[in-house]
Amino acid sequence: ATGELAPTERLRAERLAERYGVSRTPVREALARLQADGLVVRH
């Protein structure tokens, strides 16, 4: 929402897991929630 991640950047679970210091599982859960919210879309 604040532009810390570029709008054109592909949201890769591996890279986001490294960014937030977690495994890929919570990242994938977060992405699934954001998809359900309509804030993330799949191309």
PDB file of all heavy atoms in Angstrom:
ATOM      1  N   ALA A   1       0.810  -1.213   0.000  1.00  0.00           N
ATOM      2  CA  ALA A   1       0.000   0.000   0.000  1.00  0.00           C
ATOM      3  C   ALA A   1       0.843   1.262   0.000  1.00  0.00           C
ATOM      4  O   ALA A   1       0.433   2.293  -0.539  1.00  0.00           O
ATOM      5  CB  ALA A   1      -0.949   0.002   1.197  1.00  0.00           C
ATOM      6  N   THR A   2       2.012   1.204   0.599  1.00  0.00           N
ATOM      7  CA  THR A   2       2.844   2.401   0.734  1.00  0.00           C
ATOM      8  C   THR A   2       3.940   2.498  -0.324  1.00  0.00           C
ATOM      9  O   THR A   2       4.713   3.444  -0.322  1.00  0.00           O
ATOM     10  CB  THR A   2       3.510   2.446   2.127  1.00  0.00           C
ATOM     11  OG1 THR A   2       4.290   1.253   2.321  1.00  0.00           O
ATOM     12  CG2 THR A   2       2.456   2.546   3.215  1.00  0.00           C
ATOM     13  N   GLY A   3       3.994   1.527  -1.232  1.00  0.00           N
ATOM     14  CA  GLY A   3       4.983   1.594  -2.299  1.00  0.00           C
ATOM     15  C   GLY A   3       6.341   1.050  -1.936  1.00  0.00           C
ATOM     16  O   GLY A   3       7.301   1.198  -2.715  1.00  0.00           O
ATOM     17  N   GLU A   4       6.469   0.438  -0.757  1.00  0.00           N
ATOM     18  CA  GLU A   4       7.748  -0.178  -0.398  1.00  0.00           C
ATOM     19  C   GLU A   4       8.096  -1.300  -1.378  1.00  0.00           C
ATOM     20  O   GLU A   4       9.268  -1.563  -1.644  1.00  0.00           O
ATOM     21  CB  GLU A   4       7.670  -0.746   1.030  1.00  0.00           C
ATOM     22  CG  GLU A   4       7.570   0.295   2.128  1.00  0.00           C
ATOM     23  CD  GLU A   4       8.850   1.107   2.263  1.00  0.00           C
ATOM     24  OE1 GLU A   4       9.937   0.550   2.005  1.00  0.00           O
ATOM     25  OE2 GLU A   4       8.758   2.297   2.600  1.00  0.00           O
ATOM     26  N   LEU A   5       7.068  -1.957  -1.894  1.00  0.00           N
ATOM     27  CA  LEU A   5       7.229  -2.935  -2.968  1.00  0.00           C
ATOM     28  C   LEU A   5       6.640  -2.328  -4.234  1.00  0.00           C
ATOM     29  O   LEU A   5       5.510  -1.835  -4.225  1.00  0.00           O
ATOM     30  CB  LEU A   5       6.510  -4.246  -2.626  1.00  0.00           C
ATOM     31  CG  LEU A   5       7.113  -5.056  -1.469  1.00  0.00           C
ATOM     32  CD1 LEU A   5       6.180  -6.197  -1.078  1.00  0.00           C
ATOM     33  CD2 LEU A   5       8.476  -5.613  -1.859  1.00  0.00           C
ATOM     34  N   ALA A   6       7.390  -2.345  -5.309  1.00  0.00           N
ATOM     35  CA  ALA A   6       6.949  -1.726  -6.556  1.00  0.00           C
ATOM     36  C   ALA A   6       5.679  -2.401  -7.074  1.00  0.00           C
ATOM     37  O   ALA A   6       5.563  -3.629  -7.007  1.00  0.00           O
ATOM     38  CB  ALA A   6       8.055  -1.819  -7.605  1.00  0.00           C
ATOM     39  N   PRO A   7       4.731  -1.624  -7.591  1.00  0.00           N
ATOM     40  CA  PRO A   7       3.483  -2.203  -8.103  1.00  0.00           C
ATOM     41  C   PRO A   7       3.700  -3.204  -9.236  1.00  0.00           C
ATOM     42  O   PRO A   7       2.871  -4.087  -9.452  1.00  0.00           O
ATOM     43  CB  PRO A   7       2.703  -0.985  -8.598  1.00  0.00           C
ATOM     44  CG  PRO A   7       3.282   0.172  -7.859  1.00  0.00           C
ATOM     45  CD  PRO A   7       4.729  -0.153  -7.646  1.00  0.00           C
ATOM     46  N   THR A   8       4.814  -3.048  -9.958  1.00  0.00           N
ATOM     47  CA  THR A   8       5.082  -3.936 -11.090  1.00  0.00           C
ATOM     48  C   THR A   8       5.916  -5.150 -10.699  1.00  0.00           C
ATOM     49  O   THR A   8       6.228  -5.975 -11.554  1.00  0.00           O
ATOM     50  CB  THR A   8       5.819  -3.163 -12.188  1.00  0.00           C
ATOM     51  OG1 THR A   8       7.009  -2.570 -11.638  1.00  0.00           O
ATOM     52  CG2 THR A   8       4.939  -2.058 -12.763  1.00  0.00           C
ATOM     53  N   GLU A   9       6.279  -5.258  -9.424  1.00  0.00           N
ATOM     54  CA  GLU A   9       7.145  -6.359  -8.985  1.00  0.00           C
ATOM     55  C   GLU A   9       6.341  -7.641  -8.782  1.00  0.00           C
ATOM     56  O   GLU A   9       5.296  -7.629  -8.119  1.00  0.00           O
ATOM     57  CB  GLU A   9       7.838  -5.982  -7.674  1.00  0.00           C
ATOM     58  CG  GLU A   9       8.767  -7.063  -7.128  1.00  0.00           C
ATOM     59  CD  GLU A   9       9.460  -6.644  -5.852  1.00  0.00           C
ATOM     60  OE1 GLU A   9       9.467  -5.432  -5.564  1.00  0.00           O
ATOM     61  OE2 GLU A   9       9.983  -7.523  -5.153  1.00  0.00           O
ATOM     62  N   ARG A  10       6.827  -8.740  -9.346  1.00  0.00           N
ATOM     63  CA  ARG A  10       6.163 -10.019  -9.143  1.00  0.00           C
ATOM     64  C   ARG A  10       6.379 -10.458  -7.699  1.00  0.00           C
ATOM     65  O   ARG A  10       7.494 -10.390  -7.174  1.00  0.00           O
ATOM     66  CB  ARG A  10       6.720 -11.073 -10.108  1.00  0.00           C
ATOM     67  CG  ARG A  10       6.012 -12.426  -9.985  1.00  0.00           C
ATOM     68  CD  ARG A  10       6.188 -13.261 -11.253  1.00  0.00           C
ATOM     69  NE  ARG A  10       7.563 -13.663 -11.451  1.00  0.00           N
ATOM     70  CZ  ARG A  10       8.062 -14.857 -11.108  1.00  0.00           C
ATOM     71  NH1 ARG A  10       7.275 -15.748 -10.527  1.00  0.00           N
ATOM     72  NH2 ARG A  10       9.319 -15.156 -11.339  1.00  0.00           N
ATOM     73  N   LEU A  11       5.329 -10.920  -7.070  1.00  0.00           N
ATOM     74  CA  LEU A  11       5.376 -11.279  -5.653  1.00  0.00           C
ATOM     75  C   LEU A  11       5.765 -12.752  -5.521  1.00  0.00           C
ATOM     76  O   LEU A  11       4.912 -13.640  -5.420  1.00  0.00           O
ATOM     77  CB  LEU A  11       4.018 -10.999  -5.003  1.00  0.00           C
ATOM     78  CG  LEU A  11       3.546  -9.543  -5.100  1.00  0.00           C
ATOM     79  CD1 LEU A  11       2.129  -9.389  -4.575  1.00  0.00           C
ATOM     80  CD2 LEU A  11       4.504  -8.609  -4.376  1.00  0.00           C
ATOM     81  N   ARG A  12       7.046 -12.986  -5.484  1.00  0.00           N
ATOM     82  CA  ARG A  12       7.569 -14.343  -5.384  1.00  0.00           C
ATOM     83  C   ARG A  12       7.701 -14.741  -3.917  1.00  0.00           C
ATOM     84  O   ARG A  12       8.270 -14.010  -3.106  1.00  0.00           O
ATOM     85  CB  ARG A  12       8.920 -14.451  -6.078  1.00  0.00           C
ATOM     86  CG  ARG A  12       8.855 -14.176  -7.569  1.00  0.00           C
ATOM     87  CD  ARG A  12      10.214 -14.150  -8.225  1.00  0.00           C
ATOM     88  NE  ARG A  12      10.945 -15.386  -7.994  1.00  0.00           N
ATOM     89  CZ  ARG A  12      12.092 -15.473  -7.324  1.00  0.00           C
ATOM     90  NH1 ARG A  12      12.629 -14.364  -6.807  1.00  0.00           N
ATOM     91  NH2 ARG A  12      12.691 -16.628  -7.179  1.00  0.00           N
ATOM     92  N   ALA A  13       7.160 -15.919  -3.577  1.00  0.00           N
ATOM     93  CA  ALA A  13       7.155 -16.368  -2.182  1.00  0.00           C
ATOM     94  C   ALA A  13       8.570 -16.471  -1.624  1.00  0.00           C
ATOM     95  O   ALA A  13       8.824 -16.111  -0.470  1.00  0.00           O
ATOM     96  CB  ALA A  13       6.441 -17.716  -2.071  1.00  0.00           C
ATOM     97  N   GLU A  14       9.507 -16.948  -2.433  1.00  0.00           N
ATOM     98  CA  GLU A  14      10.872 -17.126  -1.943  1.00  0.00           C
ATOM     99  C   GLU A  14      11.500 -15.790  -1.564  1.00  0.00           C
ATOM    100  O   GLU A  14      12.108 -15.645  -0.492  1.00  0.00           O
ATOM    101  CB  GLU A  14      11.731 -17.826  -3.002  1.00  0.00           C
ATOM    102  CG  GLU A  14      11.305 -19.253  -3.308  1.00  0.00           C
ATOM    103  CD  GLU A  14      10.138 -19.321  -4.282  1.00  0.00           C
ATOM    104  OE1 GLU A  14       9.661 -18.249  -4.721  1.00  0.00           O
ATOM    105  OE2 GLU A  14       9.696 -20.441  -4.583  1.00  0.00           O
ATOM    106  N   ARG A  15      11.343 -14.795  -2.427  1.00  0.00           N
ATOM    107  CA  ARG A  15      11.933 -13.483  -2.160  1.00  0.00           C
ATOM    108  C   ARG A  15      11.264 -12.808  -0.971  1.00  0.00           C
ATOM    109  O   ARG A  15      11.925 -12.182  -0.128  1.00  0.00           O
ATOM    110  CB  ARG A  15      11.823 -12.603  -3.404  1.00  0.00           C
ATOM    111  CG  ARG A  15      12.461 -11.229  -3.233  1.00  0.00           C
ATOM    112  CD  ARG A  15      12.456 -10.483  -4.552  1.00  0.00           C
ATOM    113  NE  ARG A  15      13.266 -11.181  -5.563  1.00  0.00           N
ATOM    114  CZ  ARG A  15      13.377 -10.785  -6.834  1.00  0.00           C
ATOM    115  NH1 ARG A  15      12.714  -9.706  -7.240  1.00  0.00           N
ATOM    116  NH2 ARG A  15      14.117 -11.455  -7.682  1.00  0.00           N
ATOM    117  N   LEU A  16       9.938 -12.939  -0.874  1.00  0.00           N
ATOM    118  CA  LEU A  16       9.219 -12.333   0.248  1.00  0.00           C
ATOM    119  C   LEU A  16       9.558 -13.029   1.561  1.00  0.00           C
ATOM    120  O   LEU A  16       9.660 -12.374   2.606  1.00  0.00           O
ATOM    121  CB  LEU A  16       7.711 -12.393   0.000  1.00  0.00           C
ATOM    122  CG  LEU A  16       7.204 -11.533  -1.160  1.00  0.00           C
ATOM    123  CD1 LEU A  16       5.732 -11.807  -1.428  1.00  0.00           C
ATOM    124  CD2 LEU A  16       7.431 -10.054  -0.883  1.00  0.00           C
ATOM    125  N   ALA A  17       9.763 -14.346   1.513  1.00  0.00           N
ATOM    126  CA  ALA A  17      10.152 -15.075   2.721  1.00  0.00           C
ATOM    127  C   ALA A  17      11.489 -14.557   3.239  1.00  0.00           C
ATOM    128  O   ALA A  17      11.683 -14.382   4.449  1.00  0.00           O
ATOM    129  CB  ALA A  17      10.237 -16.573   2.426  1.00  0.00           C
ATOM    130  N   GLU A  18      12.394 -14.281   2.327  1.00  0.00           N
ATOM    131  CA  GLU A  18      13.697 -13.732   2.724  1.00  0.00           C
ATOM    132  C   GLU A  18      13.544 -12.321   3.276  1.00  0.00           C
ATOM    133  O   GLU A  18      14.180 -11.954   4.271  1.00  0.00           O
ATOM    134  CB  GLU A  18      14.630 -13.726   1.507  1.00  0.00           C
ATOM    135  CG  GLU A  18      16.027 -13.204   1.808  1.00  0.00           C
ATOM    136  CD  GLU A  18      16.927 -13.232   0.590  1.00  0.00           C
ATOM    137  OE1 GLU A  18      16.550 -13.847  -0.427  1.00  0.00           O
ATOM    138  OE2 GLU A  18      18.024 -12.638   0.648  1.00  0.00           O
ATOM    139  N   ARG A  19      12.670 -11.533   2.652  1.00  0.00           N
ATOM    140  CA  ARG A  19      12.464 -10.152   3.091  1.00  0.00           C
ATOM    141  C   ARG A  19      11.935 -10.090   4.514  1.00  0.00           C
ATOM    142  O   ARG A  19      12.366  -9.252   5.318  1.00  0.00           O
ATOM    143  CB  ARG A  19      11.481  -9.458   2.142  1.00  0.00           C
ATOM    144  CG  ARG A  19      11.102  -8.026   2.542  1.00  0.00           C
ATOM    145  CD  ARG A  19      10.036  -7.468   1.596  1.00  0.00           C
ATOM    146  NE  ARG A  19       9.658  -6.117   1.964  1.00  0.00           N
ATOM    147  CZ  ARG A  19      10.218  -5.005   1.493  1.00  0.00           C
ATOM    148  NH1 ARG A  19      11.207  -5.112   0.630  1.00  0.00           N
ATOM    149  NH2 ARG A  19       9.814  -3.810   1.884  1.00  0.00           N
ATOM    150  N   TYR A  20      10.983 -10.977   4.859  1.00  0.00           N
ATOM    151  CA  TYR A  20      10.339 -10.931   6.163  1.00  0.00           C
ATOM    152  C   TYR A  20      10.923 -11.923   7.160  1.00  0.00           C
ATOM    153  O   TYR A  20      10.444 -12.020   8.294  1.00  0.00           O
ATOM    154  CB  TYR A  20       8.841 -11.160   6.009  1.00  0.00           C
ATOM    155  CG  TYR A  20       8.180 -10.094   5.152  1.00  0.00           C
ATOM    156  CD1 TYR A  20       7.615 -10.407   3.919  1.00  0.00           C
ATOM    157  CD2 TYR A  20       8.153  -8.763   5.564  1.00  0.00           C
ATOM    158  CE1 TYR A  20       7.039  -9.427   3.121  1.00  0.00           C
ATOM    159  CE2 TYR A  20       7.581  -7.779   4.783  1.00  0.00           C
ATOM    160  CZ  TYR A  20       7.031  -8.119   3.556  1.00  0.00           C
ATOM    161  OH  TYR A  20       6.471  -7.143   2.771  1.00  0.00           O
ATOM    162  N   GLY A  21      11.950 -12.642   6.736  1.00  0.00           N
ATOM    163  CA  GLY A  21      12.640 -13.545   7.651  1.00  0.00           C
ATOM    164  C   GLY A  21      11.804 -14.709   8.118  1.00  0.00           C
ATOM    165  O   GLY A  21      11.854 -15.091   9.298  1.00  0.00           O
ATOM    166  N   VAL A  22      11.009 -15.278   7.200  1.00  0.00           N
ATOM    167  CA  VAL A  22      10.141 -16.404   7.547  1.00  0.00           C
ATOM    168  C   VAL A  22      10.266 -17.471   6.470  1.00  0.00           C
ATOM    169  O   VAL A  22      10.950 -17.280   5.466  1.00  0.00           O
ATOM    170  CB  VAL A  22       8.665 -15.953   7.661  1.00  0.00           C
ATOM    171  CG1 VAL A  22       8.498 -14.935   8.783  1.00  0.00           C
ATOM    172  CG2 VAL A  22       8.166 -15.383   6.338  1.00  0.00           C
ATOM    173  N   SER A  23       9.603 -18.603   6.688  1.00  0.00           N
ATOM    174  CA  SER A  23       9.559 -19.641   5.665  1.00  0.00           C
ATOM    175  C   SER A  23       8.513 -19.262   4.620  1.00  0.00           C
ATOM    176  O   SER A  23       7.787 -18.270   4.771  1.00  0.00           O
ATOM    177  CB  SER A  23       9.213 -20.992   6.290  1.00  0.00           C
ATOM    178  OG  SER A  23       7.881 -20.985   6.762  1.00  0.00           O
ATOM    179  N   ARG A  24       8.391 -20.067   3.579  1.00  0.00           N
ATOM    180  CA  ARG A  24       7.462 -19.748   2.503  1.00  0.00           C
ATOM    181  C   ARG A  24       6.005 -19.991   2.881  1.00  0.00           C
ATOM    182  O   ARG A  24       5.100 -19.377   2.296  1.00  0.00           O
ATOM    183  CB  ARG A  24       7.822 -20.563   1.253  1.00  0.00           C
ATOM    184  CG  ARG A  24       9.113 -20.091   0.574  1.00  0.00           C
ATOM    185  CD  ARG A  24       9.501 -21.026  -0.550  1.00  0.00           C
ATOM    186  NE  ARG A  24       9.920 -22.324  -0.015  1.00  0.00           N
ATOM    187  CZ  ARG A  24      10.258 -23.361  -0.779  1.00  0.00           C
ATOM    188  NH1 ARG A  24      10.215 -23.259  -2.094  1.00  0.00           N
ATOM    189  NH2 ARG A  24      10.633 -24.501  -0.217  1.00  0.00           N
ATOM    190  N   THR A  25       5.754 -20.847   3.850  1.00  0.00           N
ATOM    191  CA  THR A  25       4.367 -21.179   4.200  1.00  0.00           C
ATOM    192  C   THR A  25       3.574 -19.959   4.671  1.00  0.00           C
ATOM    193  O   THR A  25       2.492 -19.687   4.140  1.00  0.00           O
ATOM    194  CB  THR A  25       4.332 -22.295   5.263  1.00  0.00           C
ATOM    195  OG1 THR A  25       4.896 -23.478   4.711  1.00  0.00           O
ATOM    196  CG2 THR A  25       2.904 -22.574   5.704  1.00  0.00           C
ATOM    197  N   PRO A  26       4.033 -19.175   5.657  1.00  0.00           N
ATOM    198  CA  PRO A  26       3.253 -17.996   6.060  1.00  0.00           C
ATOM    199  C   PRO A  26       3.150 -16.952   4.957  1.00  0.00           C
ATOM    200  O   PRO A  26       2.158 -16.222   4.886  1.00  0.00           O
ATOM    201  CB  PRO A  26       4.016 -17.461   7.280  1.00  0.00           C
ATOM    202  CG  PRO A  26       5.377 -18.046   7.187  1.00  0.00           C
ATOM    203  CD  PRO A  26       5.210 -19.375   6.539  1.00  0.00           C
ATOM    204  N   VAL A  27       4.165 -16.884   4.088  1.00  0.00           N
ATOM    205  CA  VAL A  27       4.094 -15.949   2.967  1.00  0.00           C
ATOM    206  C   VAL A  27       2.978 -16.355   2.022  1.00  0.00           C
ATOM    207  O   VAL A  27       2.180 -15.523   1.573  1.00  0.00           O
ATOM    208  CB  VAL A  27       5.445 -15.891   2.221  1.00  0.00           C
ATOM    209  CG1 VAL A  27       5.302 -15.089   0.919  1.00  0.00           C
ATOM    210  CG2 VAL A  27       6.510 -15.257   3.098  1.00  0.00           C
ATOM    211  N   ARG A  28       2.905 -17.646   1.717  1.00  0.00           N
ATOM    212  CA  ARG A  28       1.855 -18.118   0.816  1.00  0.00           C
ATOM    213  C   ARG A  28       0.469 -17.901   1.429  1.00  0.00           C
ATOM    214  O   ARG A  28      -0.492 -17.576   0.727  1.00  0.00           O
ATOM    215  CB  ARG A  28       2.082 -19.595   0.490  1.00  0.00           C
ATOM    216  CG  ARG A  28       3.274 -19.826  -0.433  1.00  0.00           C
ATOM    217  CD  ARG A  28       3.257 -21.235  -1.010  1.00  0.00           C
ATOM    218  NE  ARG A  28       4.293 -21.391  -2.019  1.00  0.00           N
ATOM    219  CZ  ARG A  28       5.410 -22.079  -1.862  1.00  0.00           C
ATOM    220  NH1 ARG A  28       5.639 -22.683  -0.711  1.00  0.00           N
ATOM    221  NH2 ARG A  28       6.300 -22.179  -2.834  1.00  0.00           N
ATOM    222  N   GLU A  29       0.362 -18.089   2.729  1.00  0.00           N
ATOM    223  CA  GLU A  29      -0.919 -17.837   3.393  1.00  0.00           C
ATOM    224  C   GLU A  29      -1.294 -16.355   3.295  1.00  0.00           C
ATOM    225  O   GLU A  29      -2.447 -16.010   3.048  1.00  0.00           O
ATOM    226  CB  GLU A  29      -0.848 -18.259   4.851  1.00  0.00           C
ATOM    227  CG  GLU A  29      -0.782 -19.761   5.063  1.00  0.00           C
ATOM    228  CD  GLU A  29      -0.745 -20.120   6.539  1.00  0.00           C
ATOM    229  OE1 GLU A  29      -1.030 -19.247   7.369  1.00  0.00           O
ATOM    230  OE2 GLU A  29      -0.432 -21.280   6.845  1.00  0.00           O
ATOM    231  N   ALA A  30      -0.304 -15.491   3.510  1.00  0.00           N
ATOM    232  CA  ALA A  30      -0.554 -14.049   3.429  1.00  0.00           C
ATOM    233  C   ALA A  30      -0.968 -13.660   2.014  1.00  0.00           C
ATOM    234  O   ALA A  30      -1.905 -12.868   1.823  1.00  0.00           O
ATOM    235  CB  ALA A  30       0.691 -13.282   3.855  1.00  0.00           C
ATOM    236  N   LEU A  31      -0.298 -14.203   1.018  1.00  0.00           N
ATOM    237  CA  LEU A  31      -0.642 -13.902  -0.370  1.00  0.00           C
ATOM    238  C   LEU A  31      -2.045 -14.397  -0.709  1.00  0.00           C
ATOM    239  O   LEU A  31      -2.787 -13.734  -1.444  1.00  0.00           O
ATOM    240  CB  LEU A  31       0.384 -14.527  -1.307  1.00  0.00           C
ATOM    241  CG  LEU A  31       1.771 -13.874  -1.326  1.00  0.00           C
ATOM    242  CD1 LEU A  31       2.757 -14.717  -2.118  1.00  0.00           C
ATOM    243  CD2 LEU A  31       1.686 -12.459  -1.908  1.00  0.00           C
ATOM    244  N   ALA A  32      -2.407 -15.560  -0.175  1.00  0.00           N
ATOM    245  CA  ALA A  32      -3.755 -16.091  -0.417  1.00  0.00           C
ATOM    246  C   ALA A  32      -4.810 -15.158   0.188  1.00  0.00           C
ATOM    247  O   ALA A  32      -5.862 -14.902  -0.424  1.00  0.00           O
ATOM    248  CB  ALA A  32      -3.879 -17.499   0.172  1.00  0.00           C
ATOM    249  N   ARG A  33      -4.547 -14.643   1.392  1.00  0.00           N
ATOM    250  CA  ARG A  33      -5.482 -13.704   2.015  1.00  0.00           C
ATOM    251  C   ARG A  33      -5.588 -12.413   1.210  1.00  0.00           C
ATOM    252  O   ARG A  33      -6.680 -11.872   1.012  1.00  0.00           O
ATOM    253  CB  ARG A  33      -5.039 -13.379   3.445  1.00  0.00           C
ATOM    254  CG  ARG A  33      -5.313 -14.476   4.456  1.00  0.00           C
ATOM    255  CD  ARG A  33      -4.956 -14.009   5.863  1.00  0.00           C
ATOM    256  NE  ARG A  33      -5.766 -12.877   6.298  1.00  0.00           N
ATOM    257  CZ  ARG A  33      -5.557 -12.192   7.419  1.00  0.00           C
ATOM    258  NH1 ARG A  33      -4.534 -12.517   8.213  1.00  0.00           N
ATOM    259  NH2 ARG A  33      -6.345 -11.187   7.756  1.00  0.00           N
ATOM    260  N   LEU A  34      -4.453 -11.919   0.738  1.00  0.00           N
ATOM    261  CA  LEU A  34      -4.446 -10.693  -0.046  1.00  0.00           C
ATOM    262  C   LEU A  34      -5.172 -10.883  -1.371  1.00  0.00           C
ATOM    263  O   LEU A  34      -5.834  -9.966  -1.865  1.00  0.00           O
ATOM    264  CB  LEU A  34      -3.005 -10.232  -0.293  1.00  0.00           C
ATOM    265  CG  LEU A  34      -2.275  -9.707   0.949  1.00  0.00           C
ATOM    266  CD1 LEU A  34      -0.783  -9.584   0.683  1.00  0.00           C
ATOM    267  CD2 LEU A  34      -2.846  -8.355   1.374  1.00  0.00           C
ATOM    268  N   GLN A  35      -5.064 -12.091  -1.947  1.00  0.00           N
ATOM    269  CA  GLN A  35      -5.814 -12.403  -3.155  1.00  0.00           C
ATOM    270  C   GLN A  35      -7.307 -12.392  -2.869  1.00  0.00           C
ATOM    271  O   GLN A  35      -8.108 -11.862  -3.645  1.00  0.00           O
ATOM    272  CB  GLN A  35      -5.390 -13.774  -3.682  1.00  0.00           C
ATOM    273  CG  GLN A  35      -4.909 -13.752  -5.117  1.00  0.00           C
ATOM    274  CD  GLN A  35      -4.593 -15.126  -5.652  1.00  0.00           C
ATOM    275  OE1 GLN A  35      -3.953 -15.944  -4.992  1.00  0.00           O
ATOM    276  NE2 GLN A  35      -5.033 -15.381  -6.858  1.00  0.00           N
ATOM    277  N   ALA A  36      -7.694 -12.991  -1.747  1.00  0.00           N
ATOM    278  CA  ALA A  36      -9.107 -13.011  -1.364  1.00  0.00           C
ATOM    279  C   ALA A  36      -9.629 -11.597  -1.105  1.00  0.00           C
ATOM    280  O   ALA A  36     -10.797 -11.294  -1.368  1.00  0.00           O
ATOM    281  CB  ALA A  36      -9.300 -13.883  -0.122  1.00  0.00           C
ATOM    282  N   ASP A  37      -8.763 -10.717  -0.607  1.00  0.00           N
ATOM    283  CA  ASP A  37      -9.138  -9.322  -0.360  1.00  0.00           C
ATOM    284  C   ASP A  37      -9.260  -8.521  -1.646  1.00  0.00           C
ATOM    285  O   ASP A  37      -9.769  -7.393  -1.630  1.00  0.00           O
ATOM    286  CB  ASP A  37      -8.096  -8.638   0.543  1.00  0.00           C
ATOM    287  CG  ASP A  37      -8.103  -9.190   1.959  1.00  0.00           C
ATOM    288  OD1 ASP A  37      -9.092  -9.838   2.341  1.00  0.00           O
ATOM    289  OD2 ASP A  37      -7.094  -8.980   2.669  1.00  0.00           O
ATOM    290  N   GLY A  38      -8.736  -9.068  -2.755  1.00  0.00           N
ATOM    291  CA  GLY A  38      -8.732  -8.324  -4.009  1.00  0.00           C
ATOM    292  C   GLY A  38      -7.555  -7.396  -4.149  1.00  0.00           C
ATOM    293  O   GLY A  38      -7.506  -6.570  -5.070  1.00  0.00           O
ATOM    294  N   LEU A  39      -6.570  -7.496  -3.242  1.00  0.00           N
ATOM    295  CA  LEU A  39      -5.405  -6.606  -3.276  1.00  0.00           C
ATOM    296  C   LEU A  39      -4.262  -7.186  -4.099  1.00  0.00           C
ATOM    297  O   LEU A  39      -3.335  -6.466  -4.464  1.00  0.00           O
ATOM    298  CB  LEU A  39      -4.918  -6.328  -1.848  1.00  0.00           C
ATOM    299  CG  LEU A  39      -5.959  -5.723  -0.905  1.00  0.00           C
ATOM    300  CD1 LEU A  39      -5.373  -5.547   0.482  1.00  0.00           C
ATOM    301  CD2 LEU A  39      -6.459  -4.402  -1.449  1.00  0.00           C
ATOM    302  N   VAL A  40      -4.313  -8.478  -4.349  1.00  0.00           N
ATOM    303  CA  VAL A  40      -3.302  -9.158  -5.155  1.00  0.00           C
ATOM    304  C   VAL A  40      -4.036  -9.963  -6.223  1.00  0.00           C
ATOM    305  O   VAL A  40      -5.078 -10.560  -5.947  1.00  0.00           O
ATOM    306  CB  VAL A  40      -2.426 -10.089  -4.278  1.00  0.00           C
ATOM    307  CG1 VAL A  40      -1.618 -11.052  -5.133  1.00  0.00           C
ATOM    308  CG2 VAL A  40      -1.494  -9.253  -3.404  1.00  0.00           C
ATOM    309  N   VAL A  41      -3.513  -9.934  -7.443  1.00  0.00           N
ATOM    310  CA  VAL A  41      -4.142 -10.662  -8.545  1.00  0.00           C
ATOM    311  C   VAL A  41      -3.111 -11.562  -9.208  1.00  0.00           C
ATOM    312  O   VAL A  41      -1.902 -11.299  -9.163  1.00  0.00           O
ATOM    313  CB  VAL A  41      -4.735  -9.694  -9.593  1.00  0.00           C
ATOM    314  CG1 VAL A  41      -5.893  -8.905  -9.002  1.00  0.00           C
ATOM    315  CG2 VAL A  41      -3.679  -8.748 -10.123  1.00  0.00           C
ATOM    316  N   ARG A  42      -3.605 -12.617  -9.815  1.00  0.00           N
ATOM    317  CA  ARG A  42      -2.715 -13.560 -10.501  1.00  0.00           C
ATOM    318  C   ARG A  42      -2.719 -13.287 -11.997  1.00  0.00           C
ATOM    319  O   ARG A  42      -3.767 -13.242 -12.633  1.00  0.00           O
ATOM    320  CB  ARG A  42      -3.149 -15.004 -10.240  1.00  0.00           C
ATOM    321  CG  ARG A  42      -2.235 -16.039 -10.909  1.00  0.00           C
ATOM    322  CD  ARG A  42      -2.626 -17.450 -10.535  1.00  0.00           C
ATOM    323  NE  ARG A  42      -2.408 -17.730  -9.124  1.00  0.00           N
ATOM    324  CZ  ARG A  42      -1.215 -18.032  -8.608  1.00  0.00           C
ATOM    325  NH1 ARG A  42      -0.129 -18.064  -9.388  1.00  0.00           N
ATOM    326  NH2 ARG A  42      -1.103 -18.291  -7.323  1.00  0.00           N
ATOM    327  N   HIS A  43      -1.510 -13.097 -12.541  1.00  0.00           N
ATOM    328  CA  HIS A  43      -1.316 -13.007 -13.979  1.00  0.00           C
ATOM    329  C   HIS A  43      -0.670 -14.310 -14.451  1.00  0.00           C
ATOM    330  O   HIS A  43      -0.444 -15.223 -13.653  1.00  0.00           O
ATOM    331  CB  HIS A  43      -0.444 -11.798 -14.332  1.00  0.00           C
ATOM    332  CG  HIS A  43      -1.091 -10.489 -13.992  1.00  0.00           C
ATOM    333  ND1 HIS A  43      -2.356 -10.153 -14.410  1.00  0.00           N
ATOM    334  CD2 HIS A  43      -0.642  -9.421 -13.256  1.00  0.00           C
ATOM    335  CE1 HIS A  43      -2.668  -8.945 -13.970  1.00  0.00           C
ATOM    336  NE2 HIS A  43      -1.653  -8.482 -13.250  1.00  0.00           N
TER     337      HIS A  43
END
